[in-house]
Amino acid sequence: HFHAGWFEETLSDFKCDAPISILRLDADWYASTILCL
C-alpha cells in the first residue's frame, strides 16, 4: 500500500490493517520523526 504525500497528511488518521511488527523510520528530521512516532 503506497501512501504518497507529506506525513502530516497521510498519517493523520492512519489505522493499520494489521498489528505492526516492523516499523522502519527514515524520516530524517525532527518534525517528521515525531509525526511518525
Full PDB file with SEQRES, HELIX, SHEET, SSBOND, CRYST1, ORIGX, SCALE, CONECT and MASTER records, all heavy atoms in Angstrom:
SEQRES   1 A   37  HIS PHE HIS ALA GLY TRP PHE GLU GLU THR LEU SER ASP          
SEQRES   2 A   37  PHE LYS CYS ASP ALA PRO ILE SER ILE LEU ARG LEU ASP          
SEQRES   3 A   37  ALA ASP TRP TYR ALA SER THR ILE LEU CYS LEU                  
HELIX    1 AA1 PHE A    7  THR A   10  1                                   4    
HELIX    2 AA2 TYR A   30  CYS A   36  1                                   7    
CRYST1    1.000    1.000    1.000  90.00  90.00  90.00 P 1           1          
ORIGX1      1.000000  0.000000  0.000000        0.00000                         
ORIGX2      0.000000  1.000000  0.000000        0.00000                         
ORIGX3      0.000000  0.000000  1.000000        0.00000                         
SCALE1      1.000000  0.000000  0.000000        0.00000                         
SCALE2      0.000000  1.000000  0.000000        0.00000                         
SCALE3      0.000000  0.000000  1.000000        0.00000                         
ATOM      1  N   HIS A   1       0.857  -1.182   0.000  1.00  0.00           N  
ATOM      2  CA  HIS A   1       0.000   0.000   0.000  1.00  0.00           C  
ATOM      3  C   HIS A   1       0.896   1.236   0.000  1.00  0.00           C  
ATOM      4  O   HIS A   1       1.758   1.384   0.867  1.00  0.00           O  
ATOM      5  CB  HIS A   1      -0.907  -0.004   1.226  1.00  0.00           C  
ATOM      6  CG  HIS A   1      -1.670  -1.287   1.394  1.00  0.00           C  
ATOM      7  ND1 HIS A   1      -2.890  -1.509   0.812  1.00  0.00           N  
ATOM      8  CD2 HIS A   1      -1.351  -2.434   2.070  1.00  0.00           C  
ATOM      9  CE1 HIS A   1      -3.317  -2.726   1.118  1.00  0.00           C  
ATOM     10  NE2 HIS A   1      -2.396  -3.312   1.881  1.00  0.00           N  
ATOM     11  N   PHE A   2       0.662   2.133  -0.939  1.00  0.00           N  
ATOM     12  CA  PHE A   2       1.510   3.296  -1.122  1.00  0.00           C  
ATOM     13  C   PHE A   2       0.766   4.539  -0.639  1.00  0.00           C  
ATOM     14  O   PHE A   2      -0.339   4.834  -1.107  1.00  0.00           O  
ATOM     15  CB  PHE A   2       1.910   3.441  -2.586  1.00  0.00           C  
ATOM     16  CG  PHE A   2       2.661   2.236  -3.101  1.00  0.00           C  
ATOM     17  CD1 PHE A   2       1.970   1.158  -3.649  1.00  0.00           C  
ATOM     18  CD2 PHE A   2       4.042   2.158  -3.017  1.00  0.00           C  
ATOM     19  CE1 PHE A   2       2.649   0.036  -4.115  1.00  0.00           C  
ATOM     20  CE2 PHE A   2       4.720   1.039  -3.473  1.00  0.00           C  
ATOM     21  CZ  PHE A   2       4.026  -0.016  -4.017  1.00  0.00           C  
ATOM     22  N   HIS A   3       1.376   5.251   0.303  1.00  0.00           N  
ATOM     23  CA  HIS A   3       0.771   6.434   0.904  1.00  0.00           C  
ATOM     24  C   HIS A   3       1.605   7.642   0.492  1.00  0.00           C  
ATOM     25  O   HIS A   3       2.597   7.991   1.145  1.00  0.00           O  
ATOM     26  CB  HIS A   3       0.715   6.295   2.420  1.00  0.00           C  
ATOM     27  CG  HIS A   3       0.053   5.021   2.884  1.00  0.00           C  
ATOM     28  ND1 HIS A   3      -1.309   4.935   3.143  1.00  0.00           N  
ATOM     29  CD2 HIS A   3       0.566   3.771   3.119  1.00  0.00           C  
ATOM     30  CE1 HIS A   3      -1.599   3.694   3.531  1.00  0.00           C  
ATOM     31  NE2 HIS A   3      -0.484   2.977   3.519  1.00  0.00           N  
ATOM     32  N   ALA A   4       1.230   8.261  -0.616  1.00  0.00           N  
ATOM     33  CA  ALA A   4       2.004   9.362  -1.176  1.00  0.00           C  
ATOM     34  C   ALA A   4       1.515  10.691  -0.617  1.00  0.00           C  
ATOM     35  O   ALA A   4       0.314  10.994  -0.650  1.00  0.00           O  
ATOM     36  CB  ALA A   4       1.891   9.361  -2.697  1.00  0.00           C  
ATOM     37  N   GLY A   5       2.453  11.488  -0.101  1.00  0.00           N  
ATOM     38  CA  GLY A   5       2.116  12.797   0.457  1.00  0.00           C  
ATOM     39  C   GLY A   5       2.929  13.064   1.707  1.00  0.00           C  
ATOM     40  O   GLY A   5       3.640  12.191   2.209  1.00  0.00           O  
ATOM     41  N   TRP A   6       2.824  14.279   2.221  1.00  0.00           N  
ATOM     42  CA  TRP A   6       3.547  14.637   3.439  1.00  0.00           C  
ATOM     43  C   TRP A   6       2.961  13.891   4.629  1.00  0.00           C  
ATOM     44  O   TRP A   6       1.769  13.609   4.687  1.00  0.00           O  
ATOM     45  CB  TRP A   6       3.488  16.145   3.658  1.00  0.00           C  
ATOM     46  CG  TRP A   6       4.071  16.920   2.512  1.00  0.00           C  
ATOM     47  CD1 TRP A   6       3.387  17.679   1.602  1.00  0.00           C  
ATOM     48  CD2 TRP A   6       5.449  16.978   2.130  1.00  0.00           C  
ATOM     49  NE1 TRP A   6       4.251  18.204   0.679  1.00  0.00           N  
ATOM     50  CE2 TRP A   6       5.517  17.805   0.972  1.00  0.00           C  
ATOM     51  CE3 TRP A   6       6.622  16.430   2.644  1.00  0.00           C  
ATOM     52  CZ2 TRP A   6       6.728  18.084   0.332  1.00  0.00           C  
ATOM     53  CZ3 TRP A   6       7.821  16.700   1.998  1.00  0.00           C  
ATOM     54  CH2 TRP A   6       7.875  17.520   0.864  1.00  0.00           C  
ATOM     55  N   PHE A   7       3.805  13.569   5.587  1.00  0.00           N  
ATOM     56  CA  PHE A   7       3.382  12.734   6.716  1.00  0.00           C  
ATOM     57  C   PHE A   7       2.197  13.325   7.473  1.00  0.00           C  
ATOM     58  O   PHE A   7       1.335  12.592   7.960  1.00  0.00           O  
ATOM     59  CB  PHE A   7       4.539  12.504   7.680  1.00  0.00           C  
ATOM     60  CG  PHE A   7       5.656  11.654   7.133  1.00  0.00           C  
ATOM     61  CD1 PHE A   7       6.949  11.773   7.619  1.00  0.00           C  
ATOM     62  CD2 PHE A   7       5.430  10.730   6.133  1.00  0.00           C  
ATOM     63  CE1 PHE A   7       7.978  10.994   7.126  1.00  0.00           C  
ATOM     64  CE2 PHE A   7       6.449   9.941   5.619  1.00  0.00           C  
ATOM     65  CZ  PHE A   7       7.739  10.076   6.120  1.00  0.00           C  
ATOM     66  N   GLU A   8       2.171  14.648   7.604  1.00  0.00           N  
ATOM     67  CA  GLU A   8       1.053  15.246   8.341  1.00  0.00           C  
ATOM     68  C   GLU A   8      -0.283  14.992   7.652  1.00  0.00           C  
ATOM     69  O   GLU A   8      -1.345  15.032   8.303  1.00  0.00           O  
ATOM     70  CB  GLU A   8       1.261  16.753   8.549  1.00  0.00           C  
ATOM     71  CG  GLU A   8       1.492  17.549   7.284  1.00  0.00           C  
ATOM     72  CD  GLU A   8       2.968  17.770   7.002  1.00  0.00           C  
ATOM     73  OE1 GLU A   8       3.780  16.861   7.289  1.00  0.00           O  
ATOM     74  OE2 GLU A   8       3.307  18.851   6.480  1.00  0.00           O  
ATOM     75  N   GLU A   9      -0.245  14.693   6.371  1.00  0.00           N  
ATOM     76  CA  GLU A   9      -1.475  14.372   5.637  1.00  0.00           C  
ATOM     77  C   GLU A   9      -1.776  12.873   5.675  1.00  0.00           C  
ATOM     78  O   GLU A   9      -2.908  12.463   5.944  1.00  0.00           O  
ATOM     79  CB  GLU A   9      -1.329  14.820   4.173  1.00  0.00           C  
ATOM     80  CG  GLU A   9      -1.019  16.295   3.986  1.00  0.00           C  
ATOM     81  CD  GLU A   9      -0.478  16.618   2.604  1.00  0.00           C  
ATOM     82  OE1 GLU A   9      -0.236  15.667   1.820  1.00  0.00           O  
ATOM     83  OE2 GLU A   9      -0.281  17.807   2.306  1.00  0.00           O  
ATOM     84  N   THR A  10      -0.767  12.067   5.401  1.00  0.00           N  
ATOM     85  CA  THR A  10      -1.014  10.628   5.235  1.00  0.00           C  
ATOM     86  C   THR A  10      -1.100   9.870   6.554  1.00  0.00           C  
ATOM     87  O   THR A  10      -1.679   8.778   6.605  1.00  0.00           O  
ATOM     88  CB  THR A  10       0.088  10.005   4.362  1.00  0.00           C  
ATOM     89  OG1 THR A  10       1.364  10.286   4.936  1.00  0.00           O  
ATOM     90  CG2 THR A  10       0.032  10.566   2.953  1.00  0.00           C  
ATOM     91  N   LEU A  11      -0.519  10.415   7.614  1.00  0.00           N  
ATOM     92  CA  LEU A  11      -0.522   9.716   8.903  1.00  0.00           C  
ATOM     93  C   LEU A  11      -1.576  10.232   9.873  1.00  0.00           C  
ATOM     94  O   LEU A  11      -1.760   9.655  10.936  1.00  0.00           O  
ATOM     95  CB  LEU A  11       0.854   9.842   9.567  1.00  0.00           C  
ATOM     96  CG  LEU A  11       1.989   9.029   8.941  1.00  0.00           C  
ATOM     97  CD1 LEU A  11       3.333   9.440   9.555  1.00  0.00           C  
ATOM     98  CD2 LEU A  11       1.766   7.540   9.138  1.00  0.00           C  
ATOM     99  N   SER A  12      -2.273  11.282   9.512  1.00  0.00           N  
ATOM    100  CA  SER A  12      -3.146  11.962  10.481  1.00  0.00           C  
ATOM    101  C   SER A  12      -4.232  11.055  11.051  1.00  0.00           C  
ATOM    102  O   SER A  12      -4.582  11.164  12.223  1.00  0.00           O  
ATOM    103  CB  SER A  12      -3.781  13.204   9.848  1.00  0.00           C  
ATOM    104  OG  SER A  12      -4.577  12.844   8.733  1.00  0.00           O  
ATOM    105  N   ASP A  13      -4.759  10.153  10.232  1.00  0.00           N  
ATOM    106  CA  ASP A  13      -5.810   9.246  10.723  1.00  0.00           C  
ATOM    107  C   ASP A  13      -5.546   7.804  10.289  1.00  0.00           C  
ATOM    108  O   ASP A  13      -6.472   7.013  10.138  1.00  0.00           O  
ATOM    109  CB  ASP A  13      -7.186   9.705  10.243  1.00  0.00           C  
ATOM    110  CG  ASP A  13      -7.289   9.796   8.723  1.00  0.00           C  
ATOM    111  OD1 ASP A  13      -6.272   9.556   8.028  1.00  0.00           O  
ATOM    112  OD2 ASP A  13      -8.389  10.112   8.221  1.00  0.00           O  
ATOM    113  N   PHE A  14      -4.257   7.467  10.113  1.00  0.00           N  
ATOM    114  CA  PHE A  14      -3.918   6.131   9.627  1.00  0.00           C  
ATOM    115  C   PHE A  14      -4.087   5.085  10.714  1.00  0.00           C  
ATOM    116  O   PHE A  14      -3.539   5.184  11.802  1.00  0.00           O  
ATOM    117  CB  PHE A  14      -2.472   6.098   9.124  1.00  0.00           C  
ATOM    118  CG  PHE A  14      -2.009   4.727   8.721  1.00  0.00           C  
ATOM    119  CD1 PHE A  14      -2.481   4.131   7.562  1.00  0.00           C  
ATOM    120  CD2 PHE A  14      -1.103   4.021   9.505  1.00  0.00           C  
ATOM    121  CE1 PHE A  14      -2.051   2.865   7.185  1.00  0.00           C  
ATOM    122  CE2 PHE A  14      -0.675   2.753   9.142  1.00  0.00           C  
ATOM    123  CZ  PHE A  14      -1.146   2.178   7.978  1.00  0.00           C  
ATOM    124  N   LYS A  15      -4.861   4.071  10.402  1.00  0.00           N  
ATOM    125  CA  LYS A  15      -5.003   2.895  11.253  1.00  0.00           C  
ATOM    126  C   LYS A  15      -4.596   1.688  10.414  1.00  0.00           C  
ATOM    127  O   LYS A  15      -5.218   1.391   9.393  1.00  0.00           O  
ATOM    128  CB  LYS A  15      -6.448   2.734  11.752  1.00  0.00           C  
ATOM    129  CG  LYS A  15      -6.894   3.866  12.666  1.00  0.00           C  
ATOM    130  CD  LYS A  15      -6.121   3.844  13.981  1.00  0.00           C  
ATOM    131  CE  LYS A  15      -6.602   4.937  14.932  1.00  0.00           C  
ATOM    132  NZ  LYS A  15      -6.183   6.293  14.490  1.00  0.00           N  
ATOM    133  N   CYS A  16      -3.565   1.014  10.837  1.00  0.00           N  
ATOM    134  CA  CYS A  16      -3.020  -0.074  10.034  1.00  0.00           C  
ATOM    135  C   CYS A  16      -4.008  -1.236   9.952  1.00  0.00           C  
ATOM    136  O   CYS A  16      -4.786  -1.476  10.888  1.00  0.00           O  
ATOM    137  CB  CYS A  16      -1.689  -0.541  10.621  1.00  0.00           C  
ATOM    138  SG  CYS A  16      -0.689  -1.472   9.434  1.00  0.00           S  
ATOM    139  N   ASP A  17      -3.933  -1.957   8.848  1.00  0.00           N  
ATOM    140  CA  ASP A  17      -4.843  -3.078   8.636  1.00  0.00           C  
ATOM    141  C   ASP A  17      -4.464  -4.316   9.436  1.00  0.00           C  
ATOM    142  O   ASP A  17      -5.203  -5.300   9.461  1.00  0.00           O  
ATOM    143  CB  ASP A  17      -4.904  -3.427   7.143  1.00  0.00           C  
ATOM    144  CG  ASP A  17      -3.528  -3.715   6.543  1.00  0.00           C  
ATOM    145  OD1 ASP A  17      -2.519  -3.586   7.263  1.00  0.00           O  
ATOM    146  OD2 ASP A  17      -3.462  -4.057   5.346  1.00  0.00           O  
ATOM    147  N   ALA A  18      -3.322  -4.280  10.100  1.00  0.00           N  
ATOM    148  CA  ALA A  18      -2.858  -5.386  10.945  1.00  0.00           C  
ATOM    149  C   ALA A  18      -1.913  -4.795  11.990  1.00  0.00           C  
ATOM    150  O   ALA A  18      -1.381  -3.693  11.807  1.00  0.00           O  
ATOM    151  CB  ALA A  18      -2.137  -6.444  10.115  1.00  0.00           C  
ATOM    152  N   PRO A  19      -1.695  -5.499  13.096  1.00  0.00           N  
ATOM    153  CA  PRO A  19      -0.691  -5.026  14.045  1.00  0.00           C  
ATOM    154  C   PRO A  19       0.662  -4.902  13.353  1.00  0.00           C  
ATOM    155  O   PRO A  19       1.002  -5.710  12.474  1.00  0.00           O  
ATOM    156  CB  PRO A  19      -0.680  -6.117  15.123  1.00  0.00           C  
ATOM    157  CG  PRO A  19      -2.000  -6.809  14.988  1.00  0.00           C  
ATOM    158  CD  PRO A  19      -2.338  -6.754  13.530  1.00  0.00           C  
ATOM    159  N   ILE A  20       1.426  -3.904  13.727  1.00  0.00           N  
ATOM    160  CA  ILE A  20       2.727  -3.655  13.106  1.00  0.00           C  
ATOM    161  C   ILE A  20       3.811  -4.381  13.892  1.00  0.00           C  
ATOM    162  O   ILE A  20       3.910  -4.221  15.113  1.00  0.00           O  
ATOM    163  CB  ILE A  20       3.033  -2.147  13.068  1.00  0.00           C  
ATOM    164  CG1 ILE A  20       1.973  -1.401  12.260  1.00  0.00           C  
ATOM    165  CG2 ILE A  20       4.429  -1.889  12.487  1.00  0.00           C  
ATOM    166  CD1 ILE A  20       2.055   0.120  12.388  1.00  0.00           C  
ATOM    167  N   SER A  21       4.629  -5.180  13.213  1.00  0.00           N  
ATOM    168  CA  SER A  21       5.759  -5.804  13.902  1.00  0.00           C  
ATOM    169  C   SER A  21       7.096  -5.216  13.471  1.00  0.00           C  
ATOM    170  O   SER A  21       8.091  -5.373  14.175  1.00  0.00           O  
ATOM    171  CB  SER A  21       5.772  -7.328  13.684  1.00  0.00           C  
ATOM    172  OG  SER A  21       6.024  -7.647  12.323  1.00  0.00           O  
ATOM    173  N   ILE A  22       7.132  -4.543  12.309  1.00  0.00           N  
ATOM    174  CA  ILE A  22       8.343  -3.853  11.863  1.00  0.00           C  
ATOM    175  C   ILE A  22       7.962  -2.428  11.496  1.00  0.00           C  
ATOM    176  O   ILE A  22       7.115  -2.197  10.621  1.00  0.00           O  
ATOM    177  CB  ILE A  22       8.979  -4.546  10.642  1.00  0.00           C  
ATOM    178  CG1 ILE A  22       9.418  -5.967  10.985  1.00  0.00           C  
ATOM    179  CG2 ILE A  22      10.174  -3.726  10.129  1.00  0.00           C  
ATOM    180  CD1 ILE A  22       9.845  -6.775   9.765  1.00  0.00           C  
ATOM    181  N   LEU A  23       8.576  -1.469  12.175  1.00  0.00           N  
ATOM    182  CA  LEU A  23       8.375  -0.054  11.889  1.00  0.00           C  
ATOM    183  C   LEU A  23       9.740   0.546  11.598  1.00  0.00           C  
ATOM    184  O   LEU A  23      10.590   0.654  12.483  1.00  0.00           O  
ATOM    185  CB  LEU A  23       7.721   0.650  13.081  1.00  0.00           C  
ATOM    186  CG  LEU A  23       7.593   2.177  12.995  1.00  0.00           C  
ATOM    187  CD1 LEU A  23       6.820   2.594  11.745  1.00  0.00           C  
ATOM    188  CD2 LEU A  23       6.923   2.723  14.257  1.00  0.00           C  
ATOM    189  N   ARG A  24       9.951   0.907  10.345  1.00  0.00           N  
ATOM    190  CA  ARG A  24      11.254   1.440   9.936  1.00  0.00           C  
ATOM    191  C   ARG A  24      11.097   2.915   9.576  1.00  0.00           C  
ATOM    192  O   ARG A  24      10.347   3.264   8.664  1.00  0.00           O  
ATOM    193  CB  ARG A  24      11.829   0.655   8.752  1.00  0.00           C  
ATOM    194  CG  ARG A  24      13.254   1.054   8.446  1.00  0.00           C  
ATOM    195  CD  ARG A  24      13.897   0.200   7.352  1.00  0.00           C  
ATOM    196  NE  ARG A  24      15.297   0.577   7.243  1.00  0.00           N  
ATOM    197  CZ  ARG A  24      15.721   1.665   6.588  1.00  0.00           C  
ATOM    198  NH1 ARG A  24      14.861   2.453   5.952  1.00  0.00           N  
ATOM    199  NH2 ARG A  24      17.009   1.957   6.560  1.00  0.00           N  
ATOM    200  N   LEU A  25      11.798   3.767  10.321  1.00  0.00           N  
ATOM    201  CA  LEU A  25      11.709   5.208  10.105  1.00  0.00           C  
ATOM    202  C   LEU A  25      12.958   5.718   9.411  1.00  0.00           C  
ATOM    203  O   LEU A  25      14.072   5.588   9.924  1.00  0.00           O  
ATOM    204  CB  LEU A  25      11.532   5.943  11.444  1.00  0.00           C  
ATOM    205  CG  LEU A  25      10.297   5.591  12.272  1.00  0.00           C  
ATOM    206  CD1 LEU A  25      10.190   6.538  13.454  1.00  0.00           C  
ATOM    207  CD2 LEU A  25       9.027   5.634  11.428  1.00  0.00           C  
ATOM    208  N   ASP A  26      12.758   6.322   8.257  1.00  0.00           N  
ATOM    209  CA  ASP A  26      13.809   7.028   7.527  1.00  0.00           C  
ATOM    210  C   ASP A  26      13.277   8.429   7.256  1.00  0.00           C  
ATOM    211  O   ASP A  26      13.193   8.873   6.112  1.00  0.00           O  
ATOM    212  CB  ASP A  26      14.139   6.280   6.230  1.00  0.00           C  
ATOM    213  CG  ASP A  26      15.421   6.779   5.584  1.00  0.00           C  
ATOM    214  OD1 ASP A  26      15.985   7.786   6.067  1.00  0.00           O  
ATOM    215  OD2 ASP A  26      15.857   6.181   4.589  1.00  0.00           O  
ATOM    216  N   ALA A  27      12.905   9.095   8.339  1.00  0.00           N  
ATOM    217  CA  ALA A  27      12.187  10.368   8.246  1.00  0.00           C  
ATOM    218  C   ALA A  27      13.105  11.579   8.358  1.00  0.00           C  
ATOM    219  O   ALA A  27      12.633  12.716   8.229  1.00  0.00           O  
ATOM    220  CB  ALA A  27      11.105  10.429   9.330  1.00  0.00           C  
ATOM    221  N   ASP A  28      14.370  11.374   8.646  1.00  0.00           N  
ATOM    222  CA  ASP A  28      15.412  12.391   8.656  1.00  0.00           C  
ATOM    223  C   ASP A  28      15.249  13.439   9.765  1.00  0.00           C  
ATOM    224  O   ASP A  28      16.055  13.472  10.686  1.00  0.00           O  
ATOM    225  CB  ASP A  28      15.534  13.081   7.294  1.00  0.00           C  
ATOM    226  CG  ASP A  28      16.059  12.138   6.229  1.00  0.00           C  
ATOM    227  OD1 ASP A  28      15.259  11.363   5.666  1.00  0.00           O  
ATOM    228  OD2 ASP A  28      17.268  12.152   5.961  1.00  0.00           O  
ATOM    229  N   TRP A  29      14.222  14.286   9.671  1.00  0.00           N  
ATOM    230  CA  TRP A  29      14.187  15.475  10.524  1.00  0.00           C  
ATOM    231  C   TRP A  29      13.347  15.271  11.783  1.00  0.00           C  
ATOM    232  O   TRP A  29      12.560  14.319  11.894  1.00  0.00           O  
ATOM    233  CB  TRP A  29      13.641  16.666   9.750  1.00  0.00           C  
ATOM    234  CG  TRP A  29      14.246  16.959   8.422  1.00  0.00           C  
ATOM    235  CD1 TRP A  29      13.587  17.459   7.323  1.00  0.00           C  
ATOM    236  CD2 TRP A  29      15.619  16.827   7.996  1.00  0.00           C  
ATOM    237  NE1 TRP A  29      14.448  17.630   6.272  1.00  0.00           N  
ATOM    238  CE2 TRP A  29      15.699  17.256   6.655  1.00  0.00           C  
ATOM    239  CE3 TRP A  29      16.786  16.386   8.640  1.00  0.00           C  
ATOM    240  CZ2 TRP A  29      16.895  17.260   5.937  1.00  0.00           C  
ATOM    241  CZ3 TRP A  29      17.981  16.376   7.922  1.00  0.00           C  
ATOM    242  CH2 TRP A  29      18.031  16.813   6.597  1.00  0.00           C  
ATOM    243  N   TYR A  30      13.508  16.190  12.698  1.00  0.00           N  
ATOM    244  CA  TYR A  30      12.810  16.125  13.993  1.00  0.00           C  
ATOM    245  C   TYR A  30      11.297  16.059  13.801  1.00  0.00           C  
ATOM    246  O   TYR A  30      10.634  15.150  14.312  1.00  0.00           O  
ATOM    247  CB  TYR A  30      13.179  17.339  14.845  1.00  0.00           C  
ATOM    248  CG  TYR A  30      12.503  17.369  16.196  1.00  0.00           C  
ATOM    249  CD1 TYR A  30      13.110  16.793  17.310  1.00  0.00           C  
ATOM    250  CD2 TYR A  30      11.251  17.965  16.373  1.00  0.00           C  
ATOM    251  CE1 TYR A  30      12.494  16.812  18.556  1.00  0.00           C  
ATOM    252  CE2 TYR A  30      10.629  17.985  17.607  1.00  0.00           C  
ATOM    253  CZ  TYR A  30      11.254  17.411  18.698  1.00  0.00           C  
ATOM    254  OH  TYR A  30      10.637  17.423  19.924  1.00  0.00           O  
ATOM    255  N   ALA A  31      10.734  17.041  13.099  1.00  0.00           N  
ATOM    256  CA  ALA A  31       9.276  17.123  12.983  1.00  0.00           C  
ATOM    257  C   ALA A  31       8.699  15.889  12.306  1.00  0.00           C  
ATOM    258  O   ALA A  31       7.662  15.358  12.724  1.00  0.00           O  
ATOM    259  CB  ALA A  31       8.884  18.388  12.214  1.00  0.00           C  
ATOM    260  N   SER A  32       9.363  15.416  11.264  1.00  0.00           N  
ATOM    261  CA  SER A  32       8.873  14.236  10.544  1.00  0.00           C  
ATOM    262  C   SER A  32       8.934  12.986  11.415  1.00  0.00           C  
ATOM    263  O   SER A  32       8.010  12.163  11.410  1.00  0.00           O  
ATOM    264  CB  SER A  32       9.703  14.023   9.279  1.00  0.00           C  
ATOM    265  OG  SER A  32       9.632  15.141   8.427  1.00  0.00           O  
ATOM    266  N   THR A  33      10.016  12.852  12.171  1.00  0.00           N  
ATOM    267  CA  THR A  33      10.176  11.673  13.024  1.00  0.00           C  
ATOM    268  C   THR A  33       9.139  11.660  14.135  1.00  0.00           C  
ATOM    269  O   THR A  33       8.551  10.610  14.446  1.00  0.00           O  
ATOM    270  CB  THR A  33      11.600  11.628  13.602  1.00  0.00           C  
ATOM    271  OG1 THR A  33      12.543  11.601  12.514  1.00  0.00           O  
ATOM    272  CG2 THR A  33      11.814  10.395  14.465  1.00  0.00           C  
ATOM    273  N   ILE A  34       8.897  12.815  14.741  1.00  0.00           N  
ATOM    274  CA  ILE A  34       7.868  12.910  15.788  1.00  0.00           C  
ATOM    275  C   ILE A  34       6.498  12.527  15.231  1.00  0.00           C  
ATOM    276  O   ILE A  34       5.735  11.778  15.867  1.00  0.00           O  
ATOM    277  CB  ILE A  34       7.827  14.330  16.381  1.00  0.00           C  
ATOM    278  CG1 ILE A  34       8.993  14.537  17.359  1.00  0.00           C  
ATOM    279  CG2 ILE A  34       6.500  14.606  17.070  1.00  0.00           C  
ATOM    280  CD1 ILE A  34       8.831  13.858  18.707  1.00  0.00           C  
ATOM    281  N   LEU A  35       6.163  13.011  14.051  1.00  0.00           N  
ATOM    282  CA  LEU A  35       4.877  12.671  13.443  1.00  0.00           C  
ATOM    283  C   LEU A  35       4.732  11.161  13.267  1.00  0.00           C  
ATOM    284  O   LEU A  35       3.681  10.586  13.570  1.00  0.00           O  
ATOM    285  CB  LEU A  35       4.751  13.356  12.080  1.00  0.00           C  
ATOM    286  CG  LEU A  35       4.309  14.814  12.056  1.00  0.00           C  
ATOM    287  CD1 LEU A  35       4.515  15.403  10.664  1.00  0.00           C  
ATOM    288  CD2 LEU A  35       2.847  14.932  12.469  1.00  0.00           C  
ATOM    289  N   CYS A  36       5.784  10.533  12.782  1.00  0.00           N  
ATOM    290  CA  CYS A  36       5.747   9.080  12.578  1.00  0.00           C  
ATOM    291  C   CYS A  36       5.579   8.327  13.892  1.00  0.00           C  
ATOM    292  O   CYS A  36       4.793   7.381  13.992  1.00  0.00           O  
ATOM    293  CB  CYS A  36       7.019   8.624  11.878  1.00  0.00           C  
ATOM    294  SG  CYS A  36       7.202   9.240  10.195  1.00  0.00           S  
ATOM    295  N   LEU A  37       6.319   8.743  14.899  1.00  0.00           N  
ATOM    296  CA  LEU A  37       6.232   8.073  16.201  1.00  0.00           C  
ATOM    297  C   LEU A  37       4.845   8.221  16.817  1.00  0.00           C  
ATOM    298  O   LEU A  37       4.274   7.244  17.318  1.00  0.00           O  
ATOM    299  CB  LEU A  37       7.286   8.646  17.145  1.00  0.00           C  
ATOM    300  CG  LEU A  37       8.742   8.291  16.823  1.00  0.00           C  
ATOM    301  CD1 LEU A  37       9.691   9.156  17.639  1.00  0.00           C  
ATOM    302  CD2 LEU A  37       9.011   6.811  17.088  1.00  0.00           C  
TER     303      LEU A  37                                                      
MASTER        0    0    0    2    0    0    0    6  302    1    0    3          
END                                                                             
